[in-house]
Protein backbone atom coordinates (compact mmCIF):
# COMPACT_ATOMS: atom_id res chain seq x y z
CA MET A 1 0.00 0.00 0.00
CA LYS A 2 2.82 2.36 0.90
CA THR A 3 4.53 1.52 -2.39
CA ASN A 4 1.45 2.57 -4.36
CA LYS A 5 1.23 5.83 -2.36
CA TYR A 6 4.88 6.65 -3.08
CA LEU A 7 4.38 5.81 -6.74
CA PHE A 8 1.38 8.15 -6.87
CA PHE A 9 3.38 11.06 -5.44
CA ILE A 10 6.29 10.40 -7.78
CA VAL A 11 3.98 10.46 -10.83
CA LEU A 12 2.24 13.59 -9.53
CA PHE A 13 5.61 15.28 -8.97
CA LEU A 14 6.74 14.46 -12.51
CA ILE A 15 3.49 15.83 -13.97
CA LEU A 16 3.83 19.08 -11.99
CA MET A 17 7.47 19.48 -12.99
CA SER A 18 6.54 18.94 -16.62
CA SER A 19 3.82 21.58 -16.37
CA CYS A 20 6.18 24.04 -14.68
CA GLN A 21 8.77 23.43 -17.36
CA ASP A 22 6.22 24.21 -20.09
CA PHE A 23 5.15 27.37 -18.23
CA LEU A 24 8.73 28.56 -17.74
CA ASP A 25 9.48 28.02 -21.43
CA ARG A 26 6.82 30.56 -22.42
CA GLU A 27 7.95 33.96 -23.65
CA PRO A 28 7.23 36.90 -21.30
CA LEU A 29 3.77 38.34 -21.89
CA SER A 30 4.55 41.72 -20.31
CA SER A 31 7.41 42.69 -22.63
CA ILE A 32 8.10 42.76 -26.35
CA THR A 33 10.89 40.60 -27.68
CA PRO A 34 12.78 41.54 -30.88
CA GLU A 35 11.57 38.40 -32.66
CA ASN A 36 7.91 39.37 -32.14
CA TYR A 37 8.17 43.04 -33.00
CA LEU A 38 8.27 45.01 -36.26
CA ASN A 39 6.27 42.29 -37.94
CA GLU A 40 3.08 44.19 -38.77
CA GLU A 41 1.89 47.60 -39.89
CA SER A 42 0.86 49.12 -36.55
CA GLN A 43 4.21 48.24 -34.98
CA LEU A 44 6.08 50.00 -37.79
CA ALA A 45 3.82 53.03 -37.37
CA ALA A 46 4.40 53.20 -33.61
CA TYR A 47 8.17 52.77 -33.91
CA ALA A 48 8.47 55.48 -36.57
CA ILE A 49 6.38 58.12 -34.81
CA ALA A 50 8.26 57.51 -31.55
CA ARG A 51 11.37 58.81 -33.37
CA TYR A 52 9.63 62.11 -34.23
CA ASN A 53 11.07 63.67 -31.08
CA VAL A 54 14.12 64.79 -33.07
CA ILE A 55 12.02 67.06 -35.29
CA THR A 56 9.39 68.28 -32.83
CA ASP A 57 11.69 70.16 -30.46
CA MET A 58 12.30 73.90 -30.63
CA GLY A 59 16.00 73.53 -31.30
CA TYR A 60 16.19 75.96 -34.19
CA PHE A 61 14.63 78.73 -32.14
CA GLU A 62 16.75 78.00 -29.08
CA LYS A 63 20.08 78.40 -30.88
CA ASP A 64 19.92 82.17 -30.48
CA HIS A 65 19.26 82.06 -26.73
CA HIS A 66 21.84 83.85 -24.58
CA THR A 67 23.22 85.85 -27.51
CA ASP A 68 22.92 89.47 -28.54
CA ILE A 69 19.86 88.41 -30.56
CA GLN A 70 17.78 86.69 -27.93
CA ALA A 71 17.76 86.62 -24.12
CA ARG A 72 16.14 84.31 -21.59
CA ARG A 73 15.01 84.75 -18.01
CA TYR A 74 17.94 82.79 -16.65
CA HIS A 75 21.68 83.03 -17.24
CA ASP A 76 23.80 80.57 -19.19
CA ASN A 77 26.80 78.93 -17.54
CA ARG A 78 29.00 79.82 -20.50
CA TYR A 79 29.28 83.28 -18.96
CA VAL A 80 30.31 81.96 -15.54
CA PRO A 81 34.08 81.31 -15.26
CA GLY A 82 34.77 77.61 -14.81
CA GLU A 83 31.14 76.54 -15.25
CA TRP A 84 30.96 75.94 -19.02
CA LYS A 85 31.59 72.18 -18.97
CA VAL A 86 31.49 69.34 -21.44
CA PRO A 87 28.47 67.08 -20.69
CA GLN A 88 29.09 63.46 -19.74
CA SER A 89 26.65 62.20 -22.37
CA GLY A 90 24.79 63.35 -25.46
CA GLY A 91 26.10 66.20 -27.59
CA ASP A 92 26.71 66.36 -31.32
CA TRP A 93 28.62 63.06 -31.32
CA ALA A 94 25.73 61.07 -29.82
CA PHE A 95 24.60 58.21 -32.08
CA GLY A 96 21.47 57.19 -30.15
CA ASP A 97 18.88 58.41 -32.66
CA ILE A 98 20.87 57.14 -35.63
CA TYR A 99 21.15 53.75 -33.91
CA GLN A 100 17.37 53.59 -33.49
CA CYS A 101 16.86 54.20 -37.21
CA ASN A 102 19.53 51.68 -38.18
CA TYR A 103 17.98 49.09 -35.85
CA PHE A 104 14.61 49.51 -37.57
CA LEU A 105 15.94 49.37 -41.13
CA GLU A 106 18.30 46.47 -40.40
CA ARG A 107 15.41 44.32 -39.19
CA VAL A 108 12.51 45.55 -41.26
CA ILE A 109 13.99 45.73 -44.77
CA PRO A 110 14.74 41.98 -45.06
CA LYS A 111 11.23 41.13 -43.79
CA TRP A 112 9.70 43.73 -46.13
CA LYS A 113 11.53 42.35 -49.18
CA SER A 114 10.41 38.83 -48.26
CA GLY A 115 6.78 39.90 -47.78
CA LEU A 116 6.75 38.91 -44.12
CA ILE A 117 5.22 42.12 -42.73
CA THR A 118 1.44 42.02 -42.45
CA GLY A 119 -0.86 44.95 -43.12
CA ASN A 120 -1.63 47.48 -45.84
CA VAL A 121 1.30 47.47 -48.28
CA ASP A 122 1.15 51.20 -49.02
CA ASN A 123 1.10 52.06 -45.32
CA ILE A 124 4.00 49.71 -44.61
CA ASN A 125 6.00 51.42 -47.35
CA HIS A 126 5.13 54.81 -45.90
CA TYR A 127 6.35 53.98 -42.40
CA ILE A 128 9.62 52.57 -43.75
CA GLY A 129 9.99 55.80 -45.73
CA GLU A 130 9.48 57.79 -42.54
CA VAL A 131 12.45 56.09 -40.90
CA TYR A 132 14.62 56.79 -43.94
CA PHE A 133 13.58 60.45 -43.60
CA LEU A 134 14.37 60.47 -39.87
CA ARG A 135 17.81 58.96 -40.39
CA ALA A 136 18.48 61.62 -43.02
CA TYR A 137 17.29 64.31 -40.60
CA ASN A 138 19.61 63.05 -37.87
CA TYR A 139 22.54 62.96 -40.27
CA PHE A 140 21.80 66.48 -41.48
CA ASN A 141 22.10 67.72 -37.89
CA LYS A 142 25.52 66.05 -37.73
CA LEU A 143 26.52 67.58 -41.06
CA VAL A 144 25.59 71.07 -39.86
CA ALA A 145 27.34 70.67 -36.51
CA LEU A 146 30.46 68.72 -37.50
CA GLY A 147 30.87 68.58 -41.28
CA ASP A 148 32.90 65.42 -41.99
CA PHE A 149 31.22 62.56 -40.12
CA PRO A 150 31.15 58.73 -40.01
CA ILE A 151 28.50 57.11 -42.21
CA ILE A 152 27.07 54.17 -40.26
CA LYS A 153 24.18 52.22 -41.78
CA THR A 154 23.95 49.25 -39.39
CA THR A 155 23.93 48.56 -35.67
CA LEU A 156 27.41 47.80 -34.40
CA PRO A 157 28.55 45.24 -31.80
CA ASP A 158 29.83 46.43 -28.45
CA ASN A 159 33.37 45.80 -29.56
CA HIS A 160 36.12 48.41 -29.24
CA LYS A 161 37.90 47.61 -32.52
CA ALA A 162 34.67 47.42 -34.53
CA LEU A 163 33.53 50.77 -33.16
CA ILE A 164 36.90 52.41 -33.85
CA ASP A 165 36.99 51.08 -37.42
CA ALA A 166 33.47 52.37 -38.09
CA SER A 167 34.25 55.81 -36.64
CA LYS A 168 36.28 57.02 -39.63
CA ARG A 169 34.99 60.46 -40.61
CA MET A 170 33.82 60.69 -44.21
CA PRO A 171 34.11 63.89 -46.29
CA ARG A 172 31.12 66.17 -45.84
CA THR A 173 30.10 65.89 -49.51
CA GLU A 174 29.69 62.14 -49.11
CA VAL A 175 27.68 62.63 -45.93
CA ALA A 176 25.39 65.03 -47.79
CA ARG A 177 25.02 62.57 -50.69
CA PHE A 178 24.18 59.80 -48.20
CA ILE A 179 21.46 62.06 -46.73
CA ILE A 180 20.05 62.70 -50.20
CA SER A 181 20.08 58.96 -50.92
CA ASP A 182 18.00 58.30 -47.78
CA LEU A 183 15.62 61.10 -48.74
CA ASP A 184 15.24 59.63 -52.25
CA SER A 185 14.20 56.35 -50.59
CA ALA A 186 11.74 58.25 -48.39
CA ILE A 187 10.30 60.10 -51.42
CA MET A 188 9.82 56.81 -53.27
CA LEU A 189 8.12 55.03 -50.36
CA MET A 190 6.03 57.71 -48.66
CA LYS A 191 2.59 58.95 -49.61
CA ASN A 192 1.72 62.60 -50.21
CA VAL A 193 -0.69 62.39 -47.27
CA SER A 194 -0.53 60.65 -43.92
CA PRO A 195 -1.79 57.03 -43.94
CA ASP A 196 -4.39 57.86 -41.29
CA GLY A 197 -5.70 60.84 -43.26
CA ARG A 198 -4.46 63.37 -40.74
CA LYS A 199 -1.77 66.01 -41.12
CA ASN A 200 0.46 65.03 -38.22
CA ARG A 201 2.89 62.73 -40.05
CA LEU A 202 5.56 63.24 -42.65
CA SER A 203 4.82 62.92 -46.35
CA SER A 204 6.65 62.47 -49.63
CA LEU A 205 6.51 66.22 -50.18
CA SER A 206 8.08 66.75 -46.75
CA ALA A 207 11.01 64.67 -47.95
CA GLN A 208 11.22 66.64 -51.21
CA LEU A 209 11.26 69.92 -49.31
CA PHE A 210 13.89 68.68 -46.88
CA LYS A 211 16.00 67.34 -49.76
CA SER A 212 15.96 70.84 -51.25
CA ARG A 213 17.07 72.28 -47.93
CA VAL A 214 19.93 69.80 -47.47
CA SER A 215 21.14 70.33 -51.03
CA LEU A 216 20.98 74.11 -50.77
CA PHE A 217 22.91 74.01 -47.50
CA GLU A 218 25.72 71.83 -48.80
CA GLY A 219 25.94 73.51 -52.20
CA SER A 220 26.12 76.93 -50.56
CA TRP A 221 28.68 75.74 -48.02
CA LEU A 222 31.00 74.38 -50.70
CA LYS A 223 30.59 77.52 -52.79
CA TYR A 224 31.36 80.03 -50.07
CA PHE A 225 34.00 78.02 -48.18
CA LYS A 226 35.79 76.83 -51.30
CA GLY A 227 39.55 77.10 -50.81
CA THR A 228 39.42 76.84 -47.02
CA GLU A 229 40.02 74.07 -44.49
CA PHE A 230 36.25 73.69 -44.10
CA VAL A 231 35.84 71.73 -47.36
CA PRO A 232 37.55 68.59 -48.68
CA ASN A 233 40.95 69.20 -50.29
CA GLY A 234 41.11 72.73 -48.89
CA PRO A 235 44.36 73.87 -47.24
CA ASN A 236 44.79 72.29 -43.80
CA TRP A 237 41.67 70.16 -44.30
CA ALA A 238 41.87 67.61 -41.48
CA GLY A 239 40.72 64.73 -43.71
CA ALA A 240 43.61 65.20 -46.10
CA GLN A 241 46.18 64.69 -43.37
CA LYS A 242 44.46 61.79 -41.65
CA ASP A 243 42.74 59.67 -44.27
CA TYR A 244 43.18 60.87 -47.84
CA ASN A 245 46.75 62.18 -48.00
CA ASN A 246 45.70 65.17 -50.11
CA SER A 247 44.31 62.94 -52.86
CA TYR A 248 40.57 62.91 -52.18
CA THR A 249 38.46 62.75 -55.36
CA PHE A 250 35.01 64.32 -55.30
CA PRO A 251 32.20 62.03 -56.53
CA SER A 252 31.54 64.47 -59.39
CA GLY A 253 35.25 64.98 -60.08
CA SER A 254 35.72 68.46 -58.62
CA ILE A 255 34.38 70.83 -55.99
CA ASP A 256 32.72 72.88 -58.74
CA GLY A 257 30.97 69.74 -59.93
CA GLU A 258 29.77 69.11 -56.38
CA ILE A 259 28.46 72.67 -56.07
CA ASP A 260 26.54 72.28 -59.32
CA TYR A 261 25.19 68.88 -58.26
CA PHE A 262 23.83 70.04 -54.91
CA LEU A 263 22.36 73.32 -56.14
CA THR A 264 20.66 71.49 -59.03
CA GLN A 265 19.19 68.97 -56.58
CA ALA A 266 17.92 71.88 -54.47
CA MET A 267 16.17 73.53 -57.40
CA GLU A 268 14.64 70.33 -58.75
CA SER A 269 13.24 69.24 -55.38
CA ALA A 270 11.87 72.69 -54.58
CA LYS A 271 10.19 72.76 -58.00
CA VAL A 272 8.34 69.51 -57.24
CA VAL A 273 6.90 71.00 -54.04
CA ALA A 274 6.10 74.40 -55.56
CA SER A 275 4.32 72.82 -58.52
CA THR A 276 2.25 70.55 -56.25
CA ILE A 277 1.21 72.83 -53.38
CA GLU A 278 -0.53 76.09 -54.16
CA LEU A 279 1.11 78.92 -52.29
CA THR A 280 -0.97 81.36 -50.25
CA GLU A 281 -1.69 84.55 -52.17
CA ASN A 282 0.23 87.66 -51.14
CA ASN A 283 -1.33 90.74 -52.71
CA MET A 284 1.36 92.88 -51.05
CA LEU A 285 -1.26 94.85 -49.10
CA LYS A 286 0.53 95.93 -45.94
CA GLU A 287 -1.74 98.65 -44.62
CA ILE A 288 -3.38 97.70 -41.32
CA ASP A 289 -6.11 99.79 -39.76
CA MET A 290 -4.99 99.92 -36.15
CA SER A 291 -8.45 101.02 -35.09
CA TYR A 292 -9.40 97.37 -35.27
CA HIS A 293 -6.91 96.50 -32.50
CA ASP A 294 -7.11 93.03 -33.96
CA TYR A 295 -4.41 92.02 -36.42
CA ALA A 296 -6.32 88.92 -37.50
CA VAL A 297 -9.25 91.05 -38.67
CA ALA A 298 -7.14 93.92 -39.96
CA SER A 299 -5.01 91.64 -42.15
CA ALA A 300 -7.96 89.77 -43.65
CA ALA A 301 -7.57 91.77 -46.86
CA ASN A 302 -4.26 90.01 -47.49
CA PRO A 303 -4.48 86.17 -47.34
CA TYR A 304 -0.73 85.88 -46.68
CA LEU A 305 -0.88 88.14 -43.63
CA GLN A 306 -4.05 86.45 -42.50
CA MET A 307 -2.29 83.08 -42.58
CA TRP A 308 0.23 84.28 -40.00
CA ASN A 309 -2.19 86.16 -37.77
CA TYR A 310 -4.72 83.40 -37.20
């Protein structure tokens, strides 16, 4: 009798252990694992819009704070001796946002090409295009701040040698061309309107407009800094001494060819936007009857002024 009782408990124990093993083998339900994410349309949409933080800040307006142009209600430490310090993290050399875009593209593009992402095909394309735009936007900020900069298209392992090898600064013209390449991908993939019908997401025309801006910036920079250390092959250009030994060849063959390339890209992209979106009429009427004490009403006679006053 005792033998049967012991046998019963042994069998029961084995059953419970088997059940526990099956339960412990289950993937966590409270967290998202890489294998189960970025597999369908809504996940791509959520990932892309979460990266919008880089273009929704007020950075362009804040650049003039604490200068002779614009003051704030508090002082800046740059004017306090010994208090203008280098931050321990972040800054122009931070790669966090670029990493997020590379992570997305590295995982999504192979699935997309294999047809493994579920959802509306046009919307899927649009969200992939958004991430191409956002990577281009991040790289443009680096171009403006630092000029020559590493071009990194993939996520890198936490390995010192691999990171050092990938950190080689590329000439600014190649960085600008890389940005334009990403924007061309965004233009090809994105719709002219947001997938949800609203106006709170990027569009193909947004990419065209930004492409014009990037091209105008780089073309103008090369034109006006030609012959200085701030452009490739200029005297004392840091890249010549470190990587190219004074023998760098522009993709178009010369700096003048690069200037022409970028300014042409700027004009062509701007033309696409200008020919698609009707500009607000400006009848040049500037007179405002101050008796109204209401600029919105007083400027109603000029649609352009009215646009800014409402």
